[in-house]
Amino acid sequence: MGFIGTLLGIIGFGIGVPIGLVMGYLLFIYFESRDVFKDPVTKPLEEVDVCSLVDLMPELPLWVLKPDYERVDWLNKFIQHMWPYLDKVVCGTIKSTMKPYFAQYTGRFHIESIEFENLTLGTLPPMIDARGRLRAEGHGRRYDGHPWIIPFRAGTYKKRSC
């Protein structure tokens, strides 16, 4: 019984797999969507409104969406090159600034000492997407053209509600 069962199993598998593949192929062809062969509806980009573009490409940077933002790749490269040094300086400043605050609590509440074991800002520098010009038009002044006044506002992407 064992030999005959094995032989029938092999024959059934050998016949069942090709029949299953043929049936699957025919069902795939039969139930294929008919709208695949239609031409898609297209519009020139000039006719598409801003909200539709944002929906199509939600990860657009701010310098593309808004004209008063500009690219700051040069700043990102500078920060990337300076990041190990900035990390050391900023962490040293944080440690020296926090020492007087920690000294207030040393001795109180049975606290012997408060120290930083390891303080780092990480190995990856922050990335700035865009820089925007700040306009102070309410006071009758505009800071756009003055070379010494550089207000900075870092850009992050916010989903528009249309």
N, C-alpha and C. Protein backbone atom coordinates (compact mmCIF):
# COMPACT_ATOMS: atom_id res chain seq x y z
N MET A 1 0.82 -1.18 0.00
CA MET A 1 0.00 0.00 0.00
C MET A 1 0.87 1.25 0.00
N GLY A 2 2.01 1.19 0.63
CA GLY A 2 2.90 2.34 0.69
C GLY A 2 3.48 2.68 -0.67
N PHE A 3 3.87 1.67 -1.43
CA PHE A 3 4.47 1.89 -2.73
C PHE A 3 3.43 2.43 -3.71
N ILE A 4 2.26 1.87 -3.71
CA ILE A 4 1.20 2.29 -4.62
C ILE A 4 0.75 3.71 -4.28
N GLY A 5 0.64 4.04 -3.00
CA GLY A 5 0.26 5.40 -2.58
C GLY A 5 1.29 6.42 -3.03
N THR A 6 2.56 6.07 -2.88
CA THR A 6 3.63 6.98 -3.32
C THR A 6 3.58 7.17 -4.82
N LEU A 7 3.41 6.09 -5.57
CA LEU A 7 3.35 6.16 -7.03
C LEU A 7 2.17 7.00 -7.49
N LEU A 8 1.01 6.80 -6.90
CA LEU A 8 -0.16 7.60 -7.26
C LEU A 8 0.03 9.07 -6.87
N GLY A 9 0.71 9.33 -5.76
CA GLY A 9 0.99 10.71 -5.34
C GLY A 9 1.89 11.42 -6.34
N ILE A 10 2.93 10.73 -6.82
CA ILE A 10 3.84 11.32 -7.80
C ILE A 10 3.11 11.58 -9.11
N ILE A 11 2.30 10.62 -9.55
CA ILE A 11 1.54 10.80 -10.79
C ILE A 11 0.54 11.94 -10.63
N GLY A 12 -0.14 12.02 -9.50
CA GLY A 12 -1.11 13.10 -9.24
C GLY A 12 -0.43 14.46 -9.22
N PHE A 13 0.74 14.52 -8.62
CA PHE A 13 1.48 15.78 -8.59
C PHE A 13 1.93 16.17 -9.99
N GLY A 14 2.41 15.18 -10.74
CA GLY A 14 2.89 15.44 -12.11
C GLY A 14 1.78 15.88 -13.03
N ILE A 15 0.56 15.42 -12.80
CA ILE A 15 -0.56 15.83 -13.65
C ILE A 15 -1.24 17.08 -13.07
N GLY A 16 -1.31 17.20 -11.74
CA GLY A 16 -2.02 18.30 -11.09
C GLY A 16 -1.35 19.65 -11.27
N VAL A 17 -0.02 19.68 -11.21
CA VAL A 17 0.68 20.96 -11.34
C VAL A 17 0.48 21.56 -12.73
N PRO A 18 0.71 20.83 -13.82
CA PRO A 18 0.47 21.45 -15.13
C PRO A 18 -0.98 21.86 -15.35
N ILE A 19 -1.93 21.03 -14.89
CA ILE A 19 -3.34 21.39 -15.04
C ILE A 19 -3.63 22.67 -14.24
N GLY A 20 -3.09 22.79 -13.04
CA GLY A 20 -3.29 23.98 -12.22
C GLY A 20 -2.68 25.22 -12.85
N LEU A 21 -1.50 25.08 -13.44
CA LEU A 21 -0.87 26.22 -14.10
C LEU A 21 -1.66 26.68 -15.31
N VAL A 22 -2.15 25.74 -16.10
CA VAL A 22 -2.95 26.09 -17.28
C VAL A 22 -4.25 26.76 -16.86
N MET A 23 -4.91 26.21 -15.84
CA MET A 23 -6.15 26.82 -15.37
C MET A 23 -5.90 28.22 -14.81
N GLY A 24 -4.82 28.39 -14.07
CA GLY A 24 -4.49 29.71 -13.53
C GLY A 24 -4.22 30.73 -14.62
N TYR A 25 -3.50 30.32 -15.66
CA TYR A 25 -3.21 31.21 -16.78
C TYR A 25 -4.49 31.62 -17.50
N LEU A 26 -5.37 30.66 -17.74
CA LEU A 26 -6.63 30.96 -18.42
C LEU A 26 -7.51 31.89 -17.59
N LEU A 27 -7.55 31.66 -16.28
CA LEU A 27 -8.33 32.55 -15.41
C LEU A 27 -7.73 33.95 -15.39
N PHE A 28 -6.41 34.04 -15.40
CA PHE A 28 -5.74 35.34 -15.41
C PHE A 28 -6.09 36.11 -16.69
N ILE A 29 -6.05 35.42 -17.82
CA ILE A 29 -6.38 36.06 -19.09
C ILE A 29 -7.86 36.44 -19.12
N TYR A 30 -8.74 35.58 -18.60
CA TYR A 30 -10.18 35.83 -18.65
C TYR A 30 -10.57 37.02 -17.78
N PHE A 31 -9.98 37.11 -16.58
CA PHE A 31 -10.33 38.18 -15.65
C PHE A 31 -9.42 39.39 -15.76
N GLU A 32 -8.65 39.51 -16.82
CA GLU A 32 -7.77 40.66 -17.00
C GLU A 32 -8.59 41.92 -17.19
N SER A 33 -8.13 42.99 -16.59
CA SER A 33 -8.83 44.26 -16.66
C SER A 33 -8.82 44.79 -18.10
N ARG A 34 -9.98 45.26 -18.55
CA ARG A 34 -10.09 45.74 -19.92
C ARG A 34 -9.64 47.20 -20.06
N ASP A 35 -9.55 47.95 -18.95
CA ASP A 35 -9.18 49.35 -19.06
C ASP A 35 -7.67 49.56 -19.13
N VAL A 36 -6.92 48.50 -19.16
CA VAL A 36 -5.47 48.60 -19.26
C VAL A 36 -5.07 49.17 -20.62
N PHE A 37 -5.84 48.88 -21.62
CA PHE A 37 -5.48 49.27 -22.97
C PHE A 37 -5.96 50.66 -23.34
N LYS A 38 -6.69 51.35 -22.44
CA LYS A 38 -7.16 52.70 -22.73
C LYS A 38 -6.01 53.68 -22.48
N ASP A 39 -6.02 54.78 -23.22
CA ASP A 39 -5.02 55.82 -23.02
C ASP A 39 -5.34 56.60 -21.75
N PRO A 40 -4.34 56.91 -20.93
CA PRO A 40 -4.60 57.68 -19.71
C PRO A 40 -4.93 59.13 -20.04
N VAL A 41 -5.69 59.76 -19.15
CA VAL A 41 -6.05 61.16 -19.32
C VAL A 41 -4.87 62.00 -18.83
N THR A 42 -4.35 62.87 -19.69
CA THR A 42 -3.21 63.69 -19.33
C THR A 42 -3.55 65.16 -19.50
N LYS A 43 -2.86 66.00 -18.69
CA LYS A 43 -3.02 67.44 -18.77
C LYS A 43 -1.63 68.07 -18.76
N PRO A 44 -1.48 69.19 -19.40
CA PRO A 44 -0.21 69.92 -19.25
C PRO A 44 -0.08 70.44 -17.81
N LEU A 45 1.15 70.59 -17.33
CA LEU A 45 1.36 71.03 -15.96
C LEU A 45 0.84 72.44 -15.71
N GLU A 46 0.72 73.25 -16.75
CA GLU A 46 0.21 74.60 -16.57
C GLU A 46 -1.25 74.61 -16.15
N GLU A 47 -1.98 73.56 -16.53
CA GLU A 47 -3.41 73.51 -16.23
C GLU A 47 -3.72 72.88 -14.88
N VAL A 48 -2.74 72.24 -14.26
CA VAL A 48 -2.96 71.57 -12.98
C VAL A 48 -2.77 72.58 -11.86
N ASP A 49 -3.70 72.59 -10.89
CA ASP A 49 -3.58 73.52 -9.78
C ASP A 49 -2.56 73.03 -8.75
N VAL A 50 -2.20 73.89 -7.82
CA VAL A 50 -1.14 73.61 -6.85
C VAL A 50 -1.52 72.45 -5.94
N CYS A 51 -2.76 72.40 -5.51
CA CYS A 51 -3.18 71.33 -4.59
C CYS A 51 -3.09 69.97 -5.25
N SER A 52 -3.43 69.89 -6.52
CA SER A 52 -3.32 68.61 -7.22
C SER A 52 -1.87 68.20 -7.38
N LEU A 53 -0.97 69.16 -7.63
CA LEU A 53 0.45 68.84 -7.72
C LEU A 53 0.99 68.33 -6.40
N VAL A 54 0.58 68.95 -5.30
CA VAL A 54 1.03 68.51 -3.98
C VAL A 54 0.51 67.11 -3.70
N ASP A 55 -0.72 66.81 -4.13
CA ASP A 55 -1.25 65.46 -3.94
C ASP A 55 -0.49 64.45 -4.78
N LEU A 56 -0.08 64.84 -5.99
CA LEU A 56 0.66 63.91 -6.85
C LEU A 56 2.07 63.66 -6.32
N MET A 57 2.72 64.71 -5.85
CA MET A 57 4.09 64.60 -5.37
C MET A 57 4.18 65.24 -3.99
N PRO A 58 3.85 64.50 -2.92
CA PRO A 58 3.75 65.13 -1.60
C PRO A 58 5.10 65.48 -0.97
N GLU A 59 6.18 64.97 -1.48
CA GLU A 59 7.48 65.22 -0.87
C GLU A 59 8.25 66.33 -1.57
N LEU A 60 7.56 67.27 -2.20
CA LEU A 60 8.25 68.38 -2.85
C LEU A 60 8.90 69.27 -1.81
N PRO A 61 10.13 69.70 -2.02
CA PRO A 61 10.76 70.60 -1.05
C PRO A 61 10.13 71.98 -1.11
N LEU A 62 10.37 72.76 -0.05
CA LEU A 62 9.73 74.08 0.04
C LEU A 62 10.22 75.03 -1.03
N TRP A 63 11.46 74.90 -1.47
CA TRP A 63 11.96 75.83 -2.47
C TRP A 63 11.29 75.61 -3.82
N VAL A 64 10.59 74.48 -4.00
CA VAL A 64 9.81 74.27 -5.21
C VAL A 64 8.39 74.82 -5.03
N LEU A 65 7.82 74.61 -3.85
CA LEU A 65 6.44 75.02 -3.62
C LEU A 65 6.27 76.52 -3.43
N LYS A 66 7.23 77.16 -2.75
CA LYS A 66 7.06 78.57 -2.42
C LYS A 66 8.23 79.37 -2.99
N PRO A 67 7.97 80.48 -3.64
CA PRO A 67 9.06 81.23 -4.27
C PRO A 67 9.95 81.98 -3.28
N ASP A 68 9.51 82.21 -2.04
CA ASP A 68 10.36 82.96 -1.12
C ASP A 68 11.29 82.04 -0.32
N TYR A 69 11.38 80.78 -0.67
CA TYR A 69 12.34 79.85 -0.08
C TYR A 69 13.42 79.54 -1.10
N GLU A 70 14.62 79.30 -0.64
CA GLU A 70 15.70 78.97 -1.56
C GLU A 70 16.44 77.73 -1.04
N ARG A 71 17.14 77.07 -1.95
CA ARG A 71 17.89 75.87 -1.61
C ARG A 71 19.09 76.23 -0.75
N VAL A 72 19.42 75.35 0.17
CA VAL A 72 20.58 75.59 1.03
C VAL A 72 21.49 74.36 1.05
N ASP A 73 21.78 73.82 -0.13
CA ASP A 73 22.71 72.69 -0.21
C ASP A 73 24.09 73.08 0.30
N TRP A 74 24.50 74.29 0.05
CA TRP A 74 25.81 74.77 0.50
C TRP A 74 25.88 74.75 2.02
N LEU A 75 24.80 75.12 2.70
CA LEU A 75 24.78 75.12 4.16
C LEU A 75 24.81 73.70 4.70
N ASN A 76 24.09 72.78 4.04
CA ASN A 76 24.11 71.39 4.47
C ASN A 76 25.50 70.79 4.33
N LYS A 77 26.21 71.10 3.23
CA LYS A 77 27.58 70.60 3.07
C LYS A 77 28.50 71.17 4.14
N PHE A 78 28.34 72.45 4.44
CA PHE A 78 29.17 73.08 5.47
C PHE A 78 28.92 72.44 6.83
N ILE A 79 27.66 72.24 7.18
CA ILE A 79 27.33 71.62 8.47
C ILE A 79 27.85 70.19 8.52
N GLN A 80 27.76 69.47 7.40
CA GLN A 80 28.23 68.09 7.36
C GLN A 80 29.74 68.03 7.60
N HIS A 81 30.50 68.94 7.00
CA HIS A 81 31.95 68.94 7.20
C HIS A 81 32.32 69.40 8.61
N MET A 82 31.56 70.30 9.17
CA MET A 82 31.88 70.85 10.49
C MET A 82 31.24 70.08 11.64
N TRP A 83 30.40 69.08 11.35
CA TRP A 83 29.61 68.44 12.39
C TRP A 83 30.44 67.79 13.50
N PRO A 84 31.53 67.07 13.24
CA PRO A 84 32.30 66.51 14.37
C PRO A 84 32.82 67.59 15.32
N TYR A 85 33.25 68.72 14.77
CA TYR A 85 33.77 69.80 15.61
C TYR A 85 32.64 70.51 16.34
N LEU A 86 31.53 70.74 15.63
CA LEU A 86 30.37 71.37 16.26
C LEU A 86 29.82 70.50 17.39
N ASP A 87 29.84 69.19 17.18
CA ASP A 87 29.36 68.26 18.20
C ASP A 87 30.16 68.41 19.49
N LYS A 88 31.50 68.46 19.36
CA LYS A 88 32.36 68.59 20.54
C LYS A 88 32.14 69.93 21.24
N VAL A 89 32.05 71.00 20.45
CA VAL A 89 31.89 72.33 21.04
C VAL A 89 30.53 72.47 21.73
N VAL A 90 29.48 72.03 21.06
CA VAL A 90 28.14 72.18 21.63
C VAL A 90 27.99 71.31 22.87
N CYS A 91 28.50 70.09 22.83
CA CYS A 91 28.41 69.22 24.00
C CYS A 91 29.23 69.78 25.17
N GLY A 92 30.41 70.34 24.87
CA GLY A 92 31.21 70.98 25.92
C GLY A 92 30.49 72.17 26.52
N THR A 93 29.83 72.96 25.69
CA THR A 93 29.08 74.12 26.18
C THR A 93 27.91 73.68 27.05
N ILE A 94 27.22 72.63 26.63
CA ILE A 94 26.09 72.12 27.42
C ILE A 94 26.58 71.62 28.77
N LYS A 95 27.69 70.89 28.78
CA LYS A 95 28.22 70.37 30.05
C LYS A 95 28.63 71.50 30.98
N SER A 96 29.35 72.51 30.45
CA SER A 96 29.80 73.61 31.32
C SER A 96 28.62 74.48 31.78
N THR A 97 27.60 74.61 30.96
CA THR A 97 26.43 75.39 31.34
C THR A 97 25.60 74.69 32.40
N MET A 98 25.54 73.39 32.35
CA MET A 98 24.69 72.64 33.28
C MET A 98 25.35 72.39 34.63
N LYS A 99 26.67 72.56 34.75
CA LYS A 99 27.35 72.31 36.03
C LYS A 99 26.79 73.14 37.17
N PRO A 100 26.55 74.46 37.02
CA PRO A 100 25.97 75.21 38.15
C PRO A 100 24.56 74.73 38.53
N TYR A 101 23.78 74.33 37.55
CA TYR A 101 22.44 73.83 37.86
C TYR A 101 22.51 72.49 38.59
N PHE A 102 23.43 71.65 38.17
CA PHE A 102 23.60 70.36 38.85
C PHE A 102 24.14 70.56 40.25
N ALA A 103 24.97 71.58 40.46
CA ALA A 103 25.55 71.84 41.79
C ALA A 103 24.46 72.22 42.79
N GLN A 104 23.36 72.80 42.35
CA GLN A 104 22.26 73.14 43.26
C GLN A 104 21.64 71.91 43.88
N TYR A 105 21.61 70.82 43.14
CA TYR A 105 20.94 69.61 43.61
C TYR A 105 21.88 68.61 44.26
N THR A 106 23.20 68.83 44.17
CA THR A 106 24.15 67.93 44.79
C THR A 106 24.06 68.14 46.30
N GLY A 107 23.90 67.09 47.04
CA GLY A 107 23.74 67.16 48.49
C GLY A 107 22.29 67.12 48.92
N ARG A 108 21.39 67.59 48.10
CA ARG A 108 19.96 67.51 48.41
C ARG A 108 19.41 66.16 47.99
N PHE A 109 18.39 65.77 48.62
CA PHE A 109 17.65 64.56 48.26
C PHE A 109 18.57 63.33 48.17
N HIS A 110 19.63 63.32 48.93
CA HIS A 110 20.60 62.21 48.96
C HIS A 110 21.25 61.98 47.59
N ILE A 111 21.46 63.05 46.83
CA ILE A 111 22.15 62.95 45.53
C ILE A 111 23.61 63.30 45.76
N GLU A 112 24.49 62.36 45.43
CA GLU A 112 25.93 62.59 45.63
C GLU A 112 26.53 63.41 44.49
N SER A 113 26.20 63.08 43.24
CA SER A 113 26.73 63.84 42.11
C SER A 113 25.84 63.62 40.89
N ILE A 114 25.84 64.63 40.04
CA ILE A 114 25.13 64.54 38.77
C ILE A 114 26.15 64.85 37.68
N GLU A 115 26.35 63.91 36.78
CA GLU A 115 27.33 64.09 35.72
C GLU A 115 26.80 63.50 34.42
N PHE A 116 27.35 63.99 33.32
CA PHE A 116 27.07 63.38 32.04
C PHE A 116 28.05 62.24 31.83
N GLU A 117 27.56 61.05 31.61
CA GLU A 117 28.46 59.95 31.31
C GLU A 117 28.94 60.05 29.87
N ASN A 118 28.01 60.27 28.96
CA ASN A 118 28.34 60.40 27.55
C ASN A 118 27.30 61.32 26.93
N LEU A 119 27.74 62.41 26.35
CA LEU A 119 26.84 63.36 25.71
C LEU A 119 27.30 63.58 24.28
N THR A 120 26.43 63.32 23.34
CA THR A 120 26.74 63.54 21.94
C THR A 120 25.46 63.92 21.20
N LEU A 121 25.62 64.65 20.13
CA LEU A 121 24.48 65.02 19.30
C LEU A 121 24.25 64.03 18.17
N GLY A 122 25.07 62.99 18.12
CA GLY A 122 24.91 61.97 17.10
C GLY A 122 25.92 62.15 15.98
N THR A 123 25.95 61.18 15.10
CA THR A 123 26.91 61.22 14.00
C THR A 123 26.34 61.88 12.75
N LEU A 124 25.03 61.94 12.63
CA LEU A 124 24.41 62.54 11.45
C LEU A 124 24.04 63.99 11.74
N PRO A 125 24.48 64.91 10.89
CA PRO A 125 24.13 66.32 11.11
C PRO A 125 22.69 66.59 10.72
N PRO A 126 22.12 67.68 11.23
CA PRO A 126 20.77 68.03 10.80
C PRO A 126 20.78 68.50 9.35
N MET A 127 19.73 68.22 8.64
CA MET A 127 19.60 68.64 7.24
C MET A 127 18.54 69.74 7.17
N ILE A 128 18.88 70.83 6.50
CA ILE A 128 17.97 71.94 6.34
C ILE A 128 17.44 71.90 4.92
N ASP A 129 16.14 71.91 4.79
CA ASP A 129 15.51 71.76 3.48
C ASP A 129 15.52 73.05 2.69
N ALA A 130 15.16 74.15 3.31
CA ALA A 130 15.06 75.41 2.58
C ALA A 130 15.24 76.57 3.55
N ARG A 131 15.63 77.70 3.00
CA ARG A 131 15.76 78.92 3.79
C ARG A 131 14.80 79.93 3.22
N GLY A 132 14.06 80.58 4.11
CA GLY A 132 13.09 81.55 3.65
C GLY A 132 13.44 82.94 4.14
N ARG A 133 13.04 83.95 3.37
CA ARG A 133 13.25 85.33 3.77
C ARG A 133 12.12 85.75 4.66
N LEU A 134 12.46 86.39 5.76
CA LEU A 134 11.46 86.86 6.72
C LEU A 134 11.13 88.31 6.39
N ARG A 135 9.87 88.57 6.21
CA ARG A 135 9.46 89.92 5.85
C ARG A 135 8.71 90.55 7.02
N ALA A 136 9.23 91.66 7.49
CA ALA A 136 8.58 92.39 8.57
C ALA A 136 7.90 93.60 7.98
N GLU A 137 6.81 93.38 7.31
CA GLU A 137 6.12 94.46 6.62
C GLU A 137 5.17 95.21 7.53
N GLY A 138 4.88 94.66 8.70
CA GLY A 138 3.96 95.32 9.61
C GLY A 138 4.55 96.59 10.19
N HIS A 139 5.88 96.65 10.31
CA HIS A 139 6.53 97.82 10.88
C HIS A 139 7.03 98.77 9.80
N GLY A 140 6.72 98.51 8.56
CA GLY A 140 7.16 99.38 7.48
C GLY A 140 8.60 99.09 7.04
N ARG A 141 9.18 97.99 7.49
CA ARG A 141 10.55 97.64 7.12
C ARG A 141 10.55 96.31 6.40
N ARG A 142 11.53 96.16 5.52
CA ARG A 142 11.75 94.87 4.87
C ARG A 142 13.20 94.52 5.05
N TYR A 143 13.48 93.32 5.53
CA TYR A 143 14.85 92.89 5.80
C TYR A 143 15.44 92.11 4.64
N ASP A 144 14.75 92.04 3.51
CA ASP A 144 15.20 91.19 2.41
C ASP A 144 16.55 91.60 1.84
N GLY A 145 16.79 92.90 1.69
CA GLY A 145 17.97 93.32 0.98
C GLY A 145 19.16 93.67 1.83
N HIS A 146 19.00 93.81 3.12
CA HIS A 146 20.10 94.24 3.97
C HIS A 146 21.08 93.10 4.19
N PRO A 147 22.39 93.31 3.90
CA PRO A 147 23.33 92.19 3.97
C PRO A 147 23.66 91.75 5.39
N TRP A 148 23.48 92.62 6.40
CA TRP A 148 23.85 92.24 7.76
C TRP A 148 22.69 91.62 8.54
N ILE A 149 21.50 91.80 8.07
CA ILE A 149 20.35 91.23 8.76
C ILE A 149 19.90 90.01 7.97
N ILE A 150 20.14 88.86 8.52
CA ILE A 150 19.79 87.61 7.84
C ILE A 150 18.89 86.81 8.76
N PRO A 151 17.61 87.12 8.79
CA PRO A 151 16.72 86.26 9.58
C PRO A 151 16.64 84.90 8.93
N PHE A 152 16.54 83.88 9.73
CA PHE A 152 16.60 82.52 9.23
C PHE A 152 15.39 81.77 9.72
N ARG A 153 14.73 81.09 8.79
CA ARG A 153 13.62 80.24 9.20
C ARG A 153 13.79 78.95 8.45
N ALA A 154 14.03 77.88 9.18
CA ALA A 154 14.24 76.59 8.56
C ALA A 154 12.92 76.04 8.08
N GLY A 155 12.93 75.42 6.92
CA GLY A 155 11.70 74.95 6.32
C GLY A 155 11.45 73.48 6.60
N THR A 156 10.24 73.19 6.92
CA THR A 156 9.78 71.81 7.01
C THR A 156 8.53 71.72 6.18
N TYR A 157 8.27 70.55 5.67
CA TYR A 157 7.13 70.37 4.79
C TYR A 157 5.86 70.25 5.61
N LYS A 158 4.87 71.02 5.25
CA LYS A 158 3.54 70.93 5.88
C LYS A 158 2.54 70.63 4.79
N LYS A 159 1.70 69.66 5.03
CA LYS A 159 0.67 69.29 4.06
C LYS A 159 -0.35 70.40 3.96
N ARG A 160 -0.64 70.80 2.76
CA ARG A 160 -1.63 71.85 2.54
C ARG A 160 -3.03 71.29 2.60
N SER A 161 -3.92 72.10 3.11
CA SER A 161 -5.34 71.72 3.05
C SER A 161 -5.98 72.52 1.92
N CYS A 162 -6.44 71.84 0.91
CA CYS A 162 -6.99 72.53 -0.27
C CYS A 162 -8.50 72.49 -0.27
